[in-house]
Amino acid sequence: MKKNQTELTYLRAAAQNATSVGLVILLYDLLIADLERAIKAIAEHDIEKRSAEVNHAFLILQQLEGSLDRNNGGDAAKHLSRFYSAVRCKVLEGQIKASPEILRQQIDLILDVRKAWQQVDTPSHRVPAATTEQSAASSESQSAKAAVASASGSGTSNWTA
């Protein structure tokens, strides 16, 4: 989970210059990286590292789910909440069973949703902030900058909003 100075600088710059949806994508990237490092820790039989990576992944999932705008996000927010909950359950199962396959499946699912967020974030597909997808992402991204800063080592270490 340690990052070198170049990675930290990149993360800070990316967070500062990202759109609301871009911040959500950054959190997805951090989540994927955590799960990949957990898979590596399983292969190395490093229980402590695996647990640390999975715990950090849980914090990111908590941040993503907790910052959804359930009042204005409509069905998108409801579906994302269910998605984050399902991923959390499967990551826990993967942790308990020390199963790289279960964690890899979650990475694949997260990558699929990340691609959808990327499509929303392209200039030709950006939609007004009042739409459902943006409302779901808007609240998510307000605290995402703090979460990305925390993950990069600046700011506080408390990921909850």
N, C-alpha and C. Protein backbone atom coordinates (compact mmCIF):
# COMPACT_ATOMS: atom_id res chain seq x y z
N MET A 1 0.82 -1.18 0.00
CA MET A 1 0.00 0.00 0.00
C MET A 1 0.86 1.25 0.00
N LYS A 2 2.15 1.10 0.18
CA LYS A 2 3.06 2.24 0.14
C LYS A 2 3.20 2.70 -1.30
N LYS A 3 3.19 4.00 -1.49
CA LYS A 3 3.34 4.57 -2.81
C LYS A 3 4.60 5.41 -2.83
N ASN A 4 5.29 5.40 -3.99
CA ASN A 4 6.47 6.24 -4.07
C ASN A 4 6.06 7.68 -4.35
N GLN A 5 7.00 8.59 -4.25
CA GLN A 5 6.70 10.02 -4.37
C GLN A 5 6.11 10.37 -5.74
N THR A 6 6.57 9.72 -6.79
CA THR A 6 6.05 9.99 -8.13
C THR A 6 4.58 9.62 -8.22
N GLU A 7 4.22 8.45 -7.66
CA GLU A 7 2.82 8.03 -7.67
C GLU A 7 1.95 8.99 -6.87
N LEU A 8 2.46 9.45 -5.73
CA LEU A 8 1.70 10.38 -4.89
C LEU A 8 1.49 11.71 -5.61
N THR A 9 2.51 12.19 -6.27
CA THR A 9 2.40 13.45 -7.01
C THR A 9 1.38 13.30 -8.14
N TYR A 10 1.44 12.18 -8.85
CA TYR A 10 0.48 11.92 -9.92
C TYR A 10 -0.95 11.89 -9.38
N LEU A 11 -1.14 11.18 -8.29
CA LEU A 11 -2.48 11.07 -7.70
C LEU A 11 -3.03 12.44 -7.30
N ARG A 12 -2.19 13.24 -6.66
CA ARG A 12 -2.63 14.57 -6.25
C ARG A 12 -3.01 15.42 -7.46
N ALA A 13 -2.17 15.41 -8.48
CA ALA A 13 -2.45 16.19 -9.68
C ALA A 13 -3.70 15.70 -10.38
N ALA A 14 -3.86 14.40 -10.46
CA ALA A 14 -5.04 13.84 -11.11
C ALA A 14 -6.31 14.23 -10.35
N ALA A 15 -6.25 14.19 -9.03
CA ALA A 15 -7.41 14.54 -8.22
C ALA A 15 -7.75 16.02 -8.36
N GLN A 16 -6.74 16.86 -8.37
CA GLN A 16 -6.97 18.30 -8.47
C GLN A 16 -7.56 18.71 -9.81
N ASN A 17 -7.21 17.98 -10.86
CA ASN A 17 -7.64 18.36 -12.20
C ASN A 17 -8.81 17.53 -12.72
N ALA A 18 -9.31 16.61 -11.94
CA ALA A 18 -10.35 15.69 -12.40
C ALA A 18 -11.74 16.33 -12.33
N THR A 19 -12.59 15.86 -13.22
CA THR A 19 -14.01 16.21 -13.14
C THR A 19 -14.62 15.43 -11.99
N SER A 20 -15.89 15.68 -11.70
CA SER A 20 -16.58 14.93 -10.65
C SER A 20 -16.55 13.44 -10.95
N VAL A 21 -16.84 13.09 -12.18
CA VAL A 21 -16.83 11.68 -12.57
C VAL A 21 -15.39 11.16 -12.58
N GLY A 22 -14.46 12.00 -12.97
CA GLY A 22 -13.06 11.60 -12.96
C GLY A 22 -12.57 11.21 -11.58
N LEU A 23 -13.08 11.89 -10.56
CA LEU A 23 -12.72 11.53 -9.19
C LEU A 23 -13.25 10.15 -8.82
N VAL A 24 -14.43 9.85 -9.28
CA VAL A 24 -15.00 8.52 -9.03
C VAL A 24 -14.12 7.46 -9.73
N ILE A 25 -13.70 7.76 -10.94
CA ILE A 25 -12.83 6.85 -11.68
C ILE A 25 -11.52 6.63 -10.94
N LEU A 26 -10.96 7.70 -10.37
CA LEU A 26 -9.73 7.56 -9.57
C LEU A 26 -9.94 6.61 -8.38
N LEU A 27 -11.08 6.72 -7.73
CA LEU A 27 -11.36 5.81 -6.61
C LEU A 27 -11.49 4.37 -7.11
N TYR A 28 -12.10 4.19 -8.28
CA TYR A 28 -12.17 2.84 -8.85
C TYR A 28 -10.76 2.31 -9.11
N ASP A 29 -9.88 3.17 -9.63
CA ASP A 29 -8.50 2.74 -9.88
C ASP A 29 -7.81 2.33 -8.60
N LEU A 30 -8.01 3.10 -7.54
CA LEU A 30 -7.42 2.75 -6.24
C LEU A 30 -7.98 1.43 -5.72
N LEU A 31 -9.27 1.22 -5.89
CA LEU A 31 -9.92 -0.02 -5.46
C LEU A 31 -9.36 -1.21 -6.22
N ILE A 32 -9.22 -1.07 -7.52
CA ILE A 32 -8.67 -2.15 -8.34
C ILE A 32 -7.24 -2.46 -7.91
N ALA A 33 -6.45 -1.42 -7.69
CA ALA A 33 -5.06 -1.62 -7.27
C ALA A 33 -4.99 -2.35 -5.93
N ASP A 34 -5.87 -1.98 -5.00
CA ASP A 34 -5.91 -2.67 -3.70
C ASP A 34 -6.19 -4.16 -3.89
N LEU A 35 -7.17 -4.47 -4.72
CA LEU A 35 -7.53 -5.87 -4.93
C LEU A 35 -6.42 -6.64 -5.65
N GLU A 36 -5.75 -5.98 -6.58
CA GLU A 36 -4.63 -6.64 -7.26
C GLU A 36 -3.49 -6.93 -6.28
N ARG A 37 -3.23 -5.99 -5.38
CA ARG A 37 -2.19 -6.22 -4.38
C ARG A 37 -2.63 -7.31 -3.39
N ALA A 38 -3.91 -7.41 -3.10
CA ALA A 38 -4.41 -8.48 -2.23
C ALA A 38 -4.22 -9.84 -2.91
N ILE A 39 -4.46 -9.89 -4.20
CA ILE A 39 -4.24 -11.14 -4.95
C ILE A 39 -2.77 -11.54 -4.89
N LYS A 40 -1.89 -10.56 -5.07
CA LYS A 40 -0.45 -10.82 -4.99
C LYS A 40 -0.09 -11.32 -3.59
N ALA A 41 -0.67 -10.72 -2.57
CA ALA A 41 -0.40 -11.13 -1.20
C ALA A 41 -0.88 -12.56 -0.94
N ILE A 42 -1.98 -12.94 -1.56
CA ILE A 42 -2.45 -14.33 -1.43
C ILE A 42 -1.41 -15.28 -2.00
N ALA A 43 -0.89 -14.94 -3.19
CA ALA A 43 0.11 -15.79 -3.83
C ALA A 43 1.38 -15.89 -2.99
N GLU A 44 1.69 -14.80 -2.26
CA GLU A 44 2.89 -14.78 -1.42
C GLU A 44 2.63 -15.29 0.00
N HIS A 45 1.40 -15.70 0.27
CA HIS A 45 1.00 -16.18 1.59
C HIS A 45 1.25 -15.13 2.67
N ASP A 46 1.03 -13.88 2.31
CA ASP A 46 1.24 -12.76 3.23
C ASP A 46 -0.13 -12.29 3.74
N ILE A 47 -0.56 -12.89 4.82
CA ILE A 47 -1.88 -12.62 5.38
C ILE A 47 -2.02 -11.17 5.83
N GLU A 48 -0.97 -10.63 6.44
CA GLU A 48 -1.03 -9.26 6.94
C GLU A 48 -1.22 -8.27 5.78
N LYS A 49 -0.47 -8.43 4.72
CA LYS A 49 -0.58 -7.53 3.57
C LYS A 49 -1.95 -7.70 2.90
N ARG A 50 -2.37 -8.95 2.75
CA ARG A 50 -3.69 -9.20 2.14
C ARG A 50 -4.78 -8.50 2.96
N SER A 51 -4.71 -8.63 4.26
CA SER A 51 -5.72 -8.00 5.12
C SER A 51 -5.67 -6.49 5.01
N ALA A 52 -4.49 -5.91 4.96
CA ALA A 52 -4.36 -4.46 4.84
C ALA A 52 -4.95 -3.96 3.52
N GLU A 53 -4.69 -4.68 2.45
CA GLU A 53 -5.19 -4.27 1.14
C GLU A 53 -6.72 -4.40 1.07
N VAL A 54 -7.23 -5.48 1.61
CA VAL A 54 -8.68 -5.68 1.61
C VAL A 54 -9.35 -4.63 2.50
N ASN A 55 -8.76 -4.34 3.63
CA ASN A 55 -9.33 -3.31 4.51
C ASN A 55 -9.38 -1.95 3.79
N HIS A 56 -8.33 -1.62 3.06
CA HIS A 56 -8.32 -0.36 2.32
C HIS A 56 -9.39 -0.39 1.21
N ALA A 57 -9.55 -1.52 0.57
CA ALA A 57 -10.59 -1.66 -0.45
C ALA A 57 -11.97 -1.43 0.18
N PHE A 58 -12.18 -1.93 1.38
CA PHE A 58 -13.45 -1.71 2.08
C PHE A 58 -13.67 -0.23 2.35
N LEU A 59 -12.62 0.48 2.72
CA LEU A 59 -12.74 1.91 2.95
C LEU A 59 -13.14 2.65 1.68
N ILE A 60 -12.56 2.26 0.57
CA ILE A 60 -12.93 2.89 -0.70
C ILE A 60 -14.37 2.59 -1.05
N LEU A 61 -14.79 1.34 -0.89
CA LEU A 61 -16.18 0.99 -1.15
C LEU A 61 -17.12 1.76 -0.24
N GLN A 62 -16.73 1.92 1.02
CA GLN A 62 -17.54 2.70 1.96
C GLN A 62 -17.65 4.14 1.48
N GLN A 63 -16.55 4.70 1.03
CA GLN A 63 -16.55 6.07 0.51
C GLN A 63 -17.45 6.20 -0.70
N LEU A 64 -17.33 5.28 -1.63
CA LEU A 64 -18.14 5.33 -2.84
C LEU A 64 -19.63 5.21 -2.52
N GLU A 65 -19.97 4.23 -1.69
CA GLU A 65 -21.38 4.02 -1.36
C GLU A 65 -21.93 5.13 -0.46
N GLY A 66 -21.16 5.53 0.51
CA GLY A 66 -21.63 6.53 1.46
C GLY A 66 -21.85 7.89 0.86
N SER A 67 -21.20 8.18 -0.24
CA SER A 67 -21.33 9.50 -0.84
C SER A 67 -22.30 9.54 -2.01
N LEU A 68 -23.02 8.45 -2.24
CA LEU A 68 -24.05 8.47 -3.28
C LEU A 68 -25.18 9.43 -2.88
N ASP A 69 -25.71 10.12 -3.84
CA ASP A 69 -26.84 11.03 -3.60
C ASP A 69 -28.13 10.24 -3.82
N ARG A 70 -28.60 9.63 -2.77
CA ARG A 70 -29.79 8.77 -2.88
C ARG A 70 -31.07 9.57 -3.13
N ASN A 71 -31.10 10.84 -2.73
CA ASN A 71 -32.29 11.66 -2.95
C ASN A 71 -32.44 12.10 -4.39
N ASN A 72 -31.34 12.43 -5.04
CA ASN A 72 -31.40 12.94 -6.41
C ASN A 72 -30.83 11.99 -7.44
N GLY A 73 -30.22 10.90 -6.99
CA GLY A 73 -29.54 9.98 -7.90
C GLY A 73 -30.43 8.98 -8.59
N GLY A 74 -31.67 8.86 -8.14
CA GLY A 74 -32.62 7.95 -8.79
C GLY A 74 -32.15 6.51 -8.82
N ASP A 75 -32.52 5.85 -9.91
CA ASP A 75 -32.18 4.43 -10.05
C ASP A 75 -30.68 4.20 -10.13
N ALA A 76 -29.95 5.14 -10.72
CA ALA A 76 -28.49 4.98 -10.83
C ALA A 76 -27.87 4.85 -9.44
N ALA A 77 -28.27 5.69 -8.52
CA ALA A 77 -27.73 5.63 -7.16
C ALA A 77 -28.12 4.32 -6.48
N LYS A 78 -29.35 3.88 -6.68
CA LYS A 78 -29.80 2.62 -6.08
C LYS A 78 -28.99 1.45 -6.62
N HIS A 79 -28.79 1.43 -7.94
CA HIS A 79 -28.04 0.34 -8.56
C HIS A 79 -26.58 0.35 -8.13
N LEU A 80 -26.00 1.54 -8.05
CA LEU A 80 -24.61 1.63 -7.60
C LEU A 80 -24.48 1.18 -6.14
N SER A 81 -25.43 1.55 -5.31
CA SER A 81 -25.40 1.12 -3.91
C SER A 81 -25.44 -0.40 -3.81
N ARG A 82 -26.32 -1.02 -4.58
CA ARG A 82 -26.40 -2.49 -4.58
C ARG A 82 -25.10 -3.10 -5.11
N PHE A 83 -24.55 -2.48 -6.15
CA PHE A 83 -23.30 -2.97 -6.73
C PHE A 83 -22.18 -2.93 -5.69
N TYR A 84 -22.02 -1.79 -5.01
CA TYR A 84 -20.97 -1.67 -4.01
C TYR A 84 -21.16 -2.67 -2.88
N SER A 85 -22.40 -2.88 -2.48
CA SER A 85 -22.70 -3.84 -1.42
C SER A 85 -22.34 -5.26 -1.85
N ALA A 86 -22.70 -5.60 -3.08
CA ALA A 86 -22.39 -6.94 -3.61
C ALA A 86 -20.88 -7.15 -3.72
N VAL A 87 -20.17 -6.14 -4.21
CA VAL A 87 -18.72 -6.25 -4.31
C VAL A 87 -18.11 -6.42 -2.92
N ARG A 88 -18.59 -5.64 -1.96
CA ARG A 88 -18.07 -5.75 -0.60
C ARG A 88 -18.26 -7.17 -0.06
N CYS A 89 -19.43 -7.75 -0.28
CA CYS A 89 -19.69 -9.12 0.20
C CYS A 89 -18.75 -10.13 -0.45
N LYS A 90 -18.53 -9.98 -1.75
CA LYS A 90 -17.66 -10.92 -2.46
C LYS A 90 -16.19 -10.72 -2.08
N VAL A 91 -15.79 -9.48 -1.83
CA VAL A 91 -14.41 -9.24 -1.39
C VAL A 91 -14.20 -9.87 -0.02
N LEU A 92 -15.19 -9.76 0.84
CA LEU A 92 -15.09 -10.41 2.15
C LEU A 92 -14.97 -11.92 1.99
N GLU A 93 -15.78 -12.48 1.11
CA GLU A 93 -15.69 -13.92 0.85
C GLU A 93 -14.30 -14.29 0.31
N GLY A 94 -13.80 -13.46 -0.62
CA GLY A 94 -12.46 -13.71 -1.16
C GLY A 94 -11.39 -13.62 -0.09
N GLN A 95 -11.55 -12.73 0.85
CA GLN A 95 -10.60 -12.58 1.96
C GLN A 95 -10.66 -13.81 2.87
N ILE A 96 -11.87 -14.22 3.22
CA ILE A 96 -12.03 -15.36 4.12
C ILE A 96 -11.49 -16.64 3.49
N LYS A 97 -11.79 -16.82 2.21
CA LYS A 97 -11.36 -18.04 1.51
C LYS A 97 -9.96 -17.92 0.92
N ALA A 98 -9.35 -16.74 1.03
CA ALA A 98 -8.05 -16.47 0.41
C ALA A 98 -8.10 -16.88 -1.06
N SER A 99 -9.13 -16.40 -1.74
CA SER A 99 -9.40 -16.80 -3.12
C SER A 99 -9.05 -15.70 -4.12
N PRO A 100 -7.96 -15.87 -4.86
CA PRO A 100 -7.65 -14.88 -5.89
C PRO A 100 -8.71 -14.84 -7.00
N GLU A 101 -9.37 -15.97 -7.22
CA GLU A 101 -10.39 -16.03 -8.27
C GLU A 101 -11.57 -15.11 -7.94
N ILE A 102 -12.01 -15.15 -6.70
CA ILE A 102 -13.14 -14.30 -6.28
C ILE A 102 -12.74 -12.83 -6.39
N LEU A 103 -11.54 -12.50 -5.95
CA LEU A 103 -11.09 -11.11 -6.04
C LEU A 103 -10.93 -10.68 -7.49
N ARG A 104 -10.42 -11.55 -8.34
CA ARG A 104 -10.27 -11.24 -9.77
C ARG A 104 -11.64 -10.99 -10.40
N GLN A 105 -12.64 -11.76 -10.03
CA GLN A 105 -14.00 -11.54 -10.55
C GLN A 105 -14.51 -10.16 -10.17
N GLN A 106 -14.20 -9.73 -8.96
CA GLN A 106 -14.64 -8.40 -8.52
C GLN A 106 -13.91 -7.31 -9.31
N ILE A 107 -12.64 -7.52 -9.57
CA ILE A 107 -11.89 -6.56 -10.39
C ILE A 107 -12.53 -6.44 -11.76
N ASP A 108 -12.90 -7.57 -12.35
CA ASP A 108 -13.52 -7.54 -13.68
C ASP A 108 -14.84 -6.76 -13.67
N LEU A 109 -15.63 -6.97 -12.63
CA LEU A 109 -16.90 -6.23 -12.51
C LEU A 109 -16.65 -4.73 -12.32
N ILE A 110 -15.69 -4.41 -11.47
CA ILE A 110 -15.37 -3.00 -11.21
C ILE A 110 -14.86 -2.34 -12.50
N LEU A 111 -14.06 -3.06 -13.27
CA LEU A 111 -13.56 -2.53 -14.54
C LEU A 111 -14.71 -2.23 -15.50
N ASP A 112 -15.71 -3.10 -15.52
CA ASP A 112 -16.88 -2.87 -16.38
C ASP A 112 -17.60 -1.58 -16.01
N VAL A 113 -17.82 -1.38 -14.72
CA VAL A 113 -18.51 -0.17 -14.27
C VAL A 113 -17.62 1.05 -14.49
N ARG A 114 -16.32 0.88 -14.29
CA ARG A 114 -15.37 1.97 -14.53
C ARG A 114 -15.44 2.44 -15.99
N LYS A 115 -15.54 1.50 -16.91
CA LYS A 115 -15.65 1.85 -18.33
C LYS A 115 -16.89 2.70 -18.59
N ALA A 116 -17.99 2.36 -17.92
CA ALA A 116 -19.22 3.15 -18.07
C ALA A 116 -18.99 4.57 -17.56
N TRP A 117 -18.31 4.71 -16.41
CA TRP A 117 -18.01 6.04 -15.88
C TRP A 117 -17.11 6.80 -16.86
N GLN A 118 -16.16 6.11 -17.47
CA GLN A 118 -15.27 6.77 -18.44
C GLN A 118 -16.07 7.31 -19.62
N GLN A 119 -17.06 6.56 -20.08
CA GLN A 119 -17.88 7.03 -21.20
C GLN A 119 -18.64 8.28 -20.82
N VAL A 120 -19.12 8.36 -19.59
CA VAL A 120 -19.82 9.55 -19.12
C VAL A 120 -18.87 10.73 -19.03
N ASP A 121 -17.59 10.45 -18.75
CA ASP A 121 -16.62 11.52 -18.52
C ASP A 121 -15.97 12.06 -19.79
N THR A 122 -16.22 11.45 -20.95
CA THR A 122 -15.63 11.97 -22.18
C THR A 122 -16.38 13.22 -22.61
N PRO A 123 -15.67 14.19 -23.19
CA PRO A 123 -16.31 15.46 -23.57
C PRO A 123 -17.54 15.29 -24.45
N SER A 124 -17.51 14.32 -25.36
CA SER A 124 -18.64 14.15 -26.26
C SER A 124 -19.85 13.51 -25.59
N HIS A 125 -19.64 12.90 -24.42
CA HIS A 125 -20.74 12.24 -23.72
C HIS A 125 -21.11 12.91 -22.40
N ARG A 126 -20.45 14.00 -22.07
CA ARG A 126 -20.78 14.66 -20.80
C ARG A 126 -22.20 15.17 -20.87
N VAL A 127 -22.86 15.04 -19.73
CA VAL A 127 -24.26 15.42 -19.64
C VAL A 127 -24.42 16.51 -18.61
N PRO A 128 -25.48 17.29 -18.66
CA PRO A 128 -25.68 18.34 -17.66
C PRO A 128 -25.70 17.76 -16.25
N ALA A 129 -25.26 18.56 -15.29
CA ALA A 129 -25.14 18.10 -13.90
C ALA A 129 -26.47 17.68 -13.30
N ALA A 130 -27.58 18.08 -13.87
CA ALA A 130 -28.89 17.78 -13.31
C ALA A 130 -29.36 16.37 -13.65
N THR A 131 -28.67 15.63 -14.50
CA THR A 131 -29.14 14.30 -14.87
C THR A 131 -28.89 13.31 -13.75
N THR A 132 -29.54 12.18 -13.83
CA THR A 132 -29.47 11.17 -12.79
C THR A 132 -28.05 10.67 -12.57
N GLU A 133 -27.32 10.34 -13.64
CA GLU A 133 -25.98 9.81 -13.47
C GLU A 133 -25.08 10.84 -12.81
N GLN A 134 -25.18 12.08 -13.23
CA GLN A 134 -24.35 13.11 -12.62
C GLN A 134 -24.75 13.35 -11.18
N SER A 135 -26.04 13.29 -10.88
CA SER A 135 -26.47 13.47 -9.49
C SER A 135 -25.91 12.36 -8.62
N ALA A 136 -25.90 11.14 -9.14
CA ALA A 136 -25.36 10.03 -8.39
C ALA A 136 -23.87 10.22 -8.16
N ALA A 137 -23.18 10.75 -9.17
CA ALA A 137 -21.74 10.95 -9.06
C ALA A 137 -21.39 12.22 -8.31
N SER A 138 -22.25 13.20 -8.34
CA SER A 138 -21.93 14.50 -7.77
C SER A 138 -21.58 14.41 -6.29
N SER A 139 -22.46 13.82 -5.53
CA SER A 139 -22.21 13.69 -4.10
C SER A 139 -21.02 12.78 -3.86
N GLU A 140 -20.93 11.72 -4.70
CA GLU A 140 -19.83 10.78 -4.60
C GLU A 140 -18.50 11.50 -4.77
N SER A 141 -18.46 12.43 -5.71
CA SER A 141 -17.19 13.07 -6.01
C SER A 141 -16.83 14.19 -5.05
N GLN A 142 -17.80 14.76 -4.35
CA GLN A 142 -17.49 15.85 -3.42
C GLN A 142 -16.52 15.39 -2.35
N SER A 143 -16.72 14.20 -1.84
CA SER A 143 -15.80 13.72 -0.82
C SER A 143 -14.71 12.85 -1.42
N ALA A 144 -14.78 12.61 -2.72
CA ALA A 144 -13.77 11.78 -3.37
C ALA A 144 -12.41 12.46 -3.38
N LYS A 145 -12.38 13.79 -3.53
CA LYS A 145 -11.10 14.49 -3.51
C LYS A 145 -10.39 14.25 -2.18
N ALA A 146 -11.14 14.30 -1.10
CA ALA A 146 -10.54 14.06 0.22
C ALA A 146 -10.07 12.61 0.31
N ALA A 147 -10.84 11.69 -0.25
CA ALA A 147 -10.47 10.29 -0.21
C ALA A 147 -9.21 10.03 -1.03
N VAL A 148 -9.13 10.62 -2.21
CA VAL A 148 -7.94 10.45 -3.04
C VAL A 148 -6.74 11.08 -2.35
N ALA A 149 -6.94 12.24 -1.76
CA ALA A 149 -5.84 12.89 -1.03
C ALA A 149 -5.39 12.01 0.13
N SER A 150 -6.34 11.40 0.81
CA SER A 150 -6.01 10.52 1.92
C SER A 150 -5.23 9.31 1.42
N ALA A 151 -5.66 8.74 0.31
CA ALA A 151 -4.98 7.58 -0.25
C ALA A 151 -3.58 7.92 -0.72
N SER A 152 -3.39 9.17 -1.12
CA SER A 152 -2.08 9.56 -1.62
C SER A 152 -1.17 10.06 -0.51
N GLY A 153 -1.69 10.08 0.71
CA GLY A 153 -0.85 10.43 1.83
C GLY A 153 -0.99 11.87 2.29
N SER A 154 -1.82 12.66 1.61
CA SER A 154 -2.05 14.02 2.10
C SER A 154 -3.44 14.08 2.66
N GLY A 155 -3.69 14.97 3.55
CA GLY A 155 -5.01 15.06 4.18
C GLY A 155 -5.12 14.07 5.31
N THR A 156 -6.34 13.84 5.73
CA THR A 156 -6.56 12.97 6.87
C THR A 156 -6.64 11.53 6.42
N SER A 157 -6.56 10.61 7.34
CA SER A 157 -6.64 9.19 7.00
C SER A 157 -8.05 8.66 7.20
N ASN A 158 -8.98 9.47 7.59
CA ASN A 158 -10.35 9.04 7.80
C ASN A 158 -11.13 9.19 6.50
N TRP A 159 -11.61 8.08 5.96
CA TRP A 159 -12.26 8.08 4.66
C TRP A 159 -13.76 8.32 4.77
N THR A 160 -14.32 8.28 5.92
CA THR A 160 -15.76 8.44 6.04
C THR A 160 -16.14 9.89 5.94
N ALA A 161 -17.28 10.15 5.32
CA ALA A 161 -17.74 11.53 5.15
C ALA A 161 -18.63 11.94 6.29
